Amino acid sequence: SNDISIVGSVDWYLFGCLIVAWVICFLCMCKGIESSGKVVYFTATFPYVILLILFFRGVTLPGAKDGVLYYLTPKFEKLRDPTVWRTAATQIFYSLGISFGSVVAYSSYNRKSN
C-alpha cells in the first residue's frame, strides 16, 4: 500500500506459510532439548546445499565473471576514507551485540567439563 494507515487484507498464502513454519518449530521443540540433535542433522547441512545450488546458479549467469572480478579487485583509495572505517566499526559492534546472546544461551547447555 501507499500509506501505513492503509492496512489491507490478509494474504492467506503468507498466513498459511507462517502457520506451517510455527507448527514445524513446535514439533521440533515439543520433546525438549534432547530431541533437537535430530533436527540439527537437517538444519546444519541444508543451508550448505542451498548455498551450493545458489553458487552454481550465480556462476552460470551472464556477466558473472565481471561481477566476481569487481568483487575481488580492491580499491585501495577507499582505505583513506574515514567513513569506511566508521561504518566498519559500527558493523563490528552491531554483529557482536546481536550474536552474543545466542552464544550465552547455547553455552548454558554445555557440560561443566567442556
Protein backbone atom coordinates (compact mmCIF):
# COMPACT_ATOMS: atom_id res chain seq x y z
CA SER A 1 0.00 0.00 0.00
CA ASN A 2 1.00 3.63 -0.36
CA ASP A 3 0.40 4.61 3.26
CA ILE A 4 0.99 2.97 6.64
CA SER A 5 -2.57 3.77 7.71
CA ILE A 6 -3.96 1.55 4.91
CA VAL A 7 -3.93 -1.93 6.44
CA GLY A 8 -5.27 -4.00 3.57
CA SER A 9 -6.39 -7.61 3.68
CA VAL A 10 -4.72 -10.77 4.93
CA ASP A 11 -2.52 -12.60 2.44
CA TRP A 12 -3.77 -16.13 3.10
CA TYR A 13 -0.88 -17.84 1.32
CA LEU A 14 1.61 -15.98 3.51
CA PHE A 15 -0.52 -16.71 6.59
CA GLY A 16 -0.53 -20.42 5.74
CA CYS A 17 3.25 -20.45 5.34
CA LEU A 18 3.58 -18.77 8.72
CA ILE A 19 1.36 -21.38 10.37
CA VAL A 20 3.33 -24.22 8.76
CA ALA A 21 6.60 -22.69 10.00
CA TRP A 22 5.28 -22.38 13.56
CA VAL A 23 3.94 -25.94 13.53
CA ILE A 24 7.34 -27.21 12.38
CA CYS A 25 9.03 -25.22 15.16
CA PHE A 26 6.57 -26.62 17.70
CA LEU A 27 7.11 -30.19 16.57
CA CYS A 28 10.88 -29.76 16.75
CA MET A 29 10.76 -28.29 20.25
CA CYS A 30 7.94 -30.25 21.89
CA LYS A 31 10.22 -33.00 23.22
CA GLY A 32 12.75 -30.56 24.61
CA ILE A 33 16.43 -30.00 24.02
CA GLU A 34 17.21 -33.73 23.97
CA SER A 35 15.45 -34.24 20.66
CA SER A 36 16.96 -31.20 18.98
CA GLY A 37 20.05 -33.20 17.95
CA LYS A 38 17.97 -34.97 15.31
CA VAL A 39 16.80 -31.65 13.91
CA VAL A 40 20.36 -30.36 13.77
CA TYR A 41 21.36 -33.03 11.24
CA PHE A 42 18.99 -31.42 8.75
CA THR A 43 19.33 -27.77 9.75
CA ALA A 44 23.13 -27.90 9.75
CA THR A 45 23.51 -29.39 6.28
CA PHE A 46 20.52 -27.92 4.42
CA PRO A 47 21.90 -24.33 4.23
CA TYR A 48 25.10 -25.66 2.64
CA VAL A 49 23.08 -27.47 -0.01
CA ILE A 50 21.14 -24.29 -0.77
CA LEU A 51 24.35 -22.22 -0.87
CA LEU A 52 25.91 -24.70 -3.28
CA ILE A 53 22.87 -24.53 -5.55
CA LEU A 54 22.85 -20.71 -5.42
CA PHE A 55 26.60 -20.60 -6.09
CA PHE A 56 26.34 -22.66 -9.27
CA ARG A 57 23.28 -20.69 -10.34
CA GLY A 58 25.13 -17.40 -9.84
CA VAL A 59 28.27 -18.58 -11.64
CA THR A 60 26.25 -19.58 -14.70
CA LEU A 61 24.51 -16.19 -15.06
CA PRO A 62 25.65 -13.83 -17.82
CA GLY A 63 28.25 -11.34 -16.57
CA ALA A 64 29.19 -13.46 -13.57
CA LYS A 65 32.90 -13.22 -14.38
CA ASP A 66 32.75 -9.41 -14.42
CA GLY A 67 30.96 -9.37 -11.08
CA VAL A 68 33.48 -11.70 -9.43
CA LEU A 69 36.41 -9.66 -10.77
CA TYR A 70 34.79 -6.44 -9.48
CA TYR A 71 34.29 -8.05 -6.07
CA LEU A 72 37.87 -9.34 -5.83
CA THR A 73 39.63 -6.22 -7.14
CA PRO A 74 40.49 -3.97 -4.17
CA LYS A 75 40.09 -0.19 -4.25
CA PHE A 76 42.93 1.00 -2.04
CA GLU A 77 41.87 4.65 -2.26
CA LYS A 78 38.79 3.80 -0.17
CA LEU A 79 41.05 2.93 2.80
CA ARG A 80 41.81 6.65 3.22
CA ASP A 81 38.12 7.48 3.65
CA PRO A 82 37.20 7.74 7.38
CA THR A 83 33.55 6.97 6.61
CA VAL A 84 34.55 3.46 5.54
CA TRP A 85 36.35 2.86 8.85
CA ARG A 86 33.44 4.28 10.89
CA THR A 87 30.96 2.08 9.05
CA ALA A 88 33.18 -0.98 9.54
CA ALA A 89 33.48 -0.31 13.29
CA THR A 90 29.72 0.14 13.58
CA GLN A 91 29.16 -3.18 11.79
CA ILE A 92 31.56 -4.97 14.15
CA PHE A 93 29.81 -3.65 17.26
CA TYR A 94 26.34 -4.49 15.95
CA SER A 95 27.40 -8.00 14.92
CA LEU A 96 28.91 -8.68 18.32
CA GLY A 97 25.85 -7.37 20.15
CA ILE A 98 23.33 -9.41 18.20
CA SER A 99 25.16 -12.71 18.24
CA PHE A 100 26.50 -12.63 21.79
CA GLY A 101 23.15 -13.50 23.38
CA SER A 102 22.79 -16.71 21.40
CA VAL A 103 26.32 -17.77 22.37
CA VAL A 104 25.42 -17.46 26.06
CA ALA A 105 22.16 -19.35 25.55
CA TYR A 106 23.87 -22.26 23.78
CA SER A 107 26.68 -22.40 26.31
CA SER A 108 24.21 -22.95 29.13
CA TYR A 109 23.54 -26.45 27.75
CA ASN A 110 27.22 -27.49 27.82
CA ARG A 111 28.55 -29.80 30.50
CA LYS A 112 30.85 -28.21 33.03
CA SER A 113 33.76 -30.37 31.78
CA ASN A 114 33.68 -28.82 28.27
